[in-house]
Protein backbone atom coordinates (compact mmCIF):
# COMPACT_ATOMS: atom_id res chain seq x y z
CA MET A 1 -129.08 -41.51 -106.56
CA ILE A 2 -132.22 -41.55 -104.42
CA GLU A 3 -130.42 -39.83 -101.56
CA VAL A 4 -129.20 -37.08 -103.91
CA LEU A 5 -132.74 -36.54 -105.20
CA GLU A 6 -134.08 -36.41 -101.64
CA LYS A 7 -131.40 -33.89 -100.67
CA LEU A 8 -132.14 -31.72 -103.72
CA LEU A 9 -135.88 -31.71 -102.99
CA GLY A 10 -135.09 -30.93 -99.36
CA TRP A 11 -133.14 -27.86 -100.50
CA VAL A 12 -136.04 -26.74 -102.69
CA SER A 13 -138.40 -27.16 -99.73
CA THR A 14 -136.04 -25.20 -97.49
CA LEU A 15 -135.87 -22.45 -100.11
CA CYS A 16 -139.69 -22.28 -100.12
CA ILE A 17 -139.71 -21.92 -96.35
CA TRP A 18 -137.02 -19.21 -96.47
CA VAL A 19 -138.83 -17.21 -99.15
CA ALA A 20 -142.10 -17.49 -97.22
CA SER A 21 -140.29 -16.46 -94.03
CA VAL A 22 -138.75 -13.40 -95.67
CA ALA A 23 -142.17 -12.51 -97.08
CA LEU A 24 -143.61 -12.75 -93.57
CA VAL A 25 -140.91 -10.43 -92.19
CA VAL A 26 -141.57 -7.95 -95.00
CA LEU A 27 -145.30 -8.19 -94.28
CA ILE A 28 -144.75 -7.39 -90.61
CA ALA A 29 -142.40 -4.51 -91.44
CA THR A 30 -144.85 -2.98 -93.91
CA PHE A 31 -147.66 -3.13 -91.38
CA GLY A 32 -145.35 -1.45 -88.90
CA TRP A 33 -144.85 1.28 -91.49
CA LEU A 34 -148.62 1.48 -91.98
CA VAL A 35 -149.21 2.02 -88.26
CA PHE A 36 -146.36 4.53 -88.02
CA GLY A 37 -147.57 6.42 -91.08
CA ARG A 38 -151.19 6.49 -90.00
CA TYR A 39 -150.82 7.37 -86.33
CA VAL A 40 -147.50 9.22 -86.11
CA MET A 41 -147.14 10.98 -89.46
CA ASN A 42 -150.90 11.20 -90.13
CA VAL A 43 -150.32 9.94 -93.71
CA THR A 44 -151.63 6.47 -94.49
CA PRO A 45 -149.49 4.53 -96.99
CA THR A 46 -152.11 3.14 -99.36
CA TRP A 47 -149.89 0.52 -101.01
CA VAL A 48 -149.51 -1.60 -97.86
CA GLU A 49 -152.81 -3.44 -98.24
CA GLN A 50 -152.07 -4.54 -101.81
CA LEU A 51 -148.54 -5.60 -100.90
CA ALA A 52 -149.92 -7.54 -97.94
CA LEU A 53 -152.35 -9.42 -100.18
CA LEU A 54 -149.51 -10.28 -102.55
CA LEU A 55 -147.21 -11.44 -99.76
CA ILE A 56 -149.94 -13.54 -98.11
CA CYS A 57 -150.35 -15.46 -101.38
CA TYR A 58 -146.66 -16.37 -101.41
CA ILE A 59 -146.52 -17.17 -97.70
CA ALA A 60 -149.53 -19.48 -97.91
CA PHE A 61 -148.75 -21.22 -101.19
CA LEU A 62 -145.02 -21.71 -100.66
CA GLY A 63 -145.70 -22.91 -97.12
CA ALA A 64 -148.29 -25.35 -98.44
CA ALA A 65 -145.87 -26.73 -101.02
CA ALA A 66 -143.17 -27.19 -98.38
CA GLY A 67 -145.76 -28.87 -96.17
CA VAL A 68 -146.46 -31.40 -98.92
CA ARG A 69 -142.74 -32.17 -99.17
CA GLU A 70 -142.25 -32.44 -95.42
CA ASN A 71 -145.56 -34.30 -94.99
CA THR A 72 -146.63 -31.95 -92.19
CA HIS A 73 -150.20 -31.38 -93.30
CA LEU A 74 -153.04 -32.47 -91.11
CA GLY A 75 -154.12 -35.99 -91.93
CA VAL A 76 -156.31 -38.69 -90.49
CA THR A 77 -154.33 -41.93 -90.48
CA LEU A 78 -156.61 -44.06 -88.34
CA PHE A 79 -157.98 -46.16 -91.20
CA ARG A 80 -154.66 -46.36 -93.00
CA ASP A 81 -152.93 -47.55 -89.84
CA MET A 82 -155.48 -50.35 -89.42
CA LEU A 83 -154.55 -51.83 -92.83
CA PRO A 84 -151.83 -54.43 -93.43
CA ALA A 85 -148.41 -53.00 -94.33
CA LYS A 86 -148.66 -53.68 -98.08
CA LEU A 87 -152.07 -51.99 -98.31
CA GLN A 88 -150.78 -49.05 -96.28
CA LYS A 89 -147.99 -48.61 -98.82
CA LEU A 90 -150.43 -48.83 -101.73
CA LEU A 91 -152.70 -46.27 -100.10
CA MET A 92 -149.79 -43.91 -99.51
CA ILE A 93 -148.77 -44.21 -103.18
CA ALA A 94 -152.37 -43.53 -104.25
CA ILE A 95 -152.52 -40.45 -102.01
CA ASP A 96 -149.23 -39.15 -103.43
CA LEU A 97 -150.53 -39.66 -106.97
CA MET A 98 -153.73 -37.78 -106.15
CA MET A 99 -151.68 -34.94 -104.64
CA ALA A 100 -149.48 -34.86 -107.75
CA ALA A 101 -152.61 -34.72 -109.95
CA PHE A 102 -153.95 -31.85 -107.83
CA GLY A 103 -150.60 -30.08 -108.22
CA ILE A 104 -150.63 -30.40 -112.01
CA ILE A 105 -154.20 -29.06 -112.12
CA MET A 106 -153.10 -26.10 -109.99
CA LEU A 107 -150.12 -25.54 -112.27
CA ILE A 108 -152.22 -25.57 -115.45
CA ALA A 109 -154.96 -23.39 -113.96
CA GLY A 110 -152.32 -21.03 -112.56
CA ILE A 111 -150.70 -20.64 -115.96
CA GLU A 112 -154.09 -19.82 -117.46
CA LEU A 113 -154.74 -17.26 -114.71
CA MET A 114 -151.33 -15.71 -115.29
CA GLU A 115 -152.00 -15.37 -119.00
CA PHE A 116 -155.44 -13.91 -118.32
CA GLY A 117 -154.21 -11.36 -115.80
CA TRP A 118 -150.96 -10.31 -117.45
CA SER A 119 -152.36 -7.05 -118.77
CA SER A 120 -154.21 -6.18 -115.53
CA ARG A 121 -152.35 -4.14 -112.93
CA LEU A 122 -152.48 -4.45 -109.15
CA PRO A 123 -153.71 -1.16 -107.75
CA MET A 124 -151.18 0.93 -105.84
CA LEU A 125 -148.29 -1.40 -106.76
CA ASN A 126 -148.54 -0.95 -110.53
CA ILE A 127 -147.33 -4.48 -111.27
CA SER A 128 -149.05 -7.20 -113.26
CA GLU A 129 -151.84 -9.17 -111.59
CA SER A 130 -149.94 -12.25 -112.76
CA TYR A 131 -147.42 -11.80 -109.95
CA ARG A 132 -150.19 -12.72 -107.51
CA THR A 133 -151.19 -15.81 -109.47
CA LEU A 134 -147.55 -16.82 -109.86
CA ALA A 135 -147.80 -18.03 -106.25
CA ILE A 136 -150.58 -20.45 -107.23
CA THR A 137 -148.66 -21.62 -110.28
CA SER A 138 -145.46 -22.14 -108.29
CA CYS A 139 -147.29 -24.04 -105.59
CA GLY A 140 -148.93 -26.31 -108.15
CA GLY A 141 -145.62 -27.10 -109.80
CA LEU A 142 -143.93 -27.75 -106.48
CA VAL A 143 -146.77 -29.95 -105.18
CA PHE A 144 -146.62 -31.93 -108.43
CA LEU A 145 -142.85 -32.27 -108.08
CA PHE A 146 -142.80 -33.18 -104.38
CA ALA A 147 -145.75 -35.58 -104.40
CA GLY A 148 -144.90 -37.08 -107.78
CA VAL A 149 -141.29 -37.81 -106.85
CA ARG A 150 -142.38 -39.23 -103.50
CA ALA A 151 -144.89 -41.52 -105.26
CA LEU A 152 -142.22 -42.62 -107.73
CA LEU A 153 -139.71 -43.32 -104.96
CA ARG A 154 -142.33 -45.27 -103.01
CA VAL A 155 -143.11 -47.37 -106.08
CA LEU A 156 -139.41 -48.01 -106.76
CA THR A 157 -138.76 -49.02 -103.15
CA PHE A 158 -142.06 -50.82 -102.53
CA HIS A 159 -140.41 -54.00 -101.20
CA GLU A 160 -137.74 -52.17 -99.22
CA ASP A 161 -137.65 -50.33 -95.92
CA TRP A 162 -139.24 -46.89 -96.35
CA HIS A 163 -137.02 -45.06 -93.92
CA LEU A 164 -136.40 -42.24 -96.42
CA TYR A 165 -139.98 -41.77 -97.55
CA VAL A 166 -142.07 -42.16 -94.42
CA PRO A 167 -142.02 -39.16 -92.06
CA ALA A 168 -140.26 -39.74 -88.76
CA GLN A 169 -143.47 -39.56 -86.74
CA GLU A 170 -144.97 -42.42 -88.79
CA GLN A 171 -142.00 -44.83 -88.71
């Protein structure tokens, strides 16, 4: 059961990375169009800047959520590594719970921002402002999911080997 859950969350993380990667390719292509339009055709496409801001939100927030799942964020482990093994595990559970709490706060605040901005339009794109804040909301939900499940799995396997839940570089 745990392996299935890990595999499912891995697929969700991979999907986040793929969506962020496609957004990055679209961002690069639109800036290519901007340069071509401005310097070759002498007509600047005005929508590129707003689309770029929208895409950057998704690239950053989906990448951050995947980073939480893959545990690739920058961290200082010096003090944690000096602790006995049981205290290290407790500290890692506490960190996961704090990350999950941060994710739920992001999710709730993102929902409020989406509701607030639903009637506002992004200039040049003529879509709701809420599409920009959907990135924040999605990231919050994913961080809550990834960190919360990891904390739960660490609690359930506290007395076992953590080979599934500790990143390879920390084993």
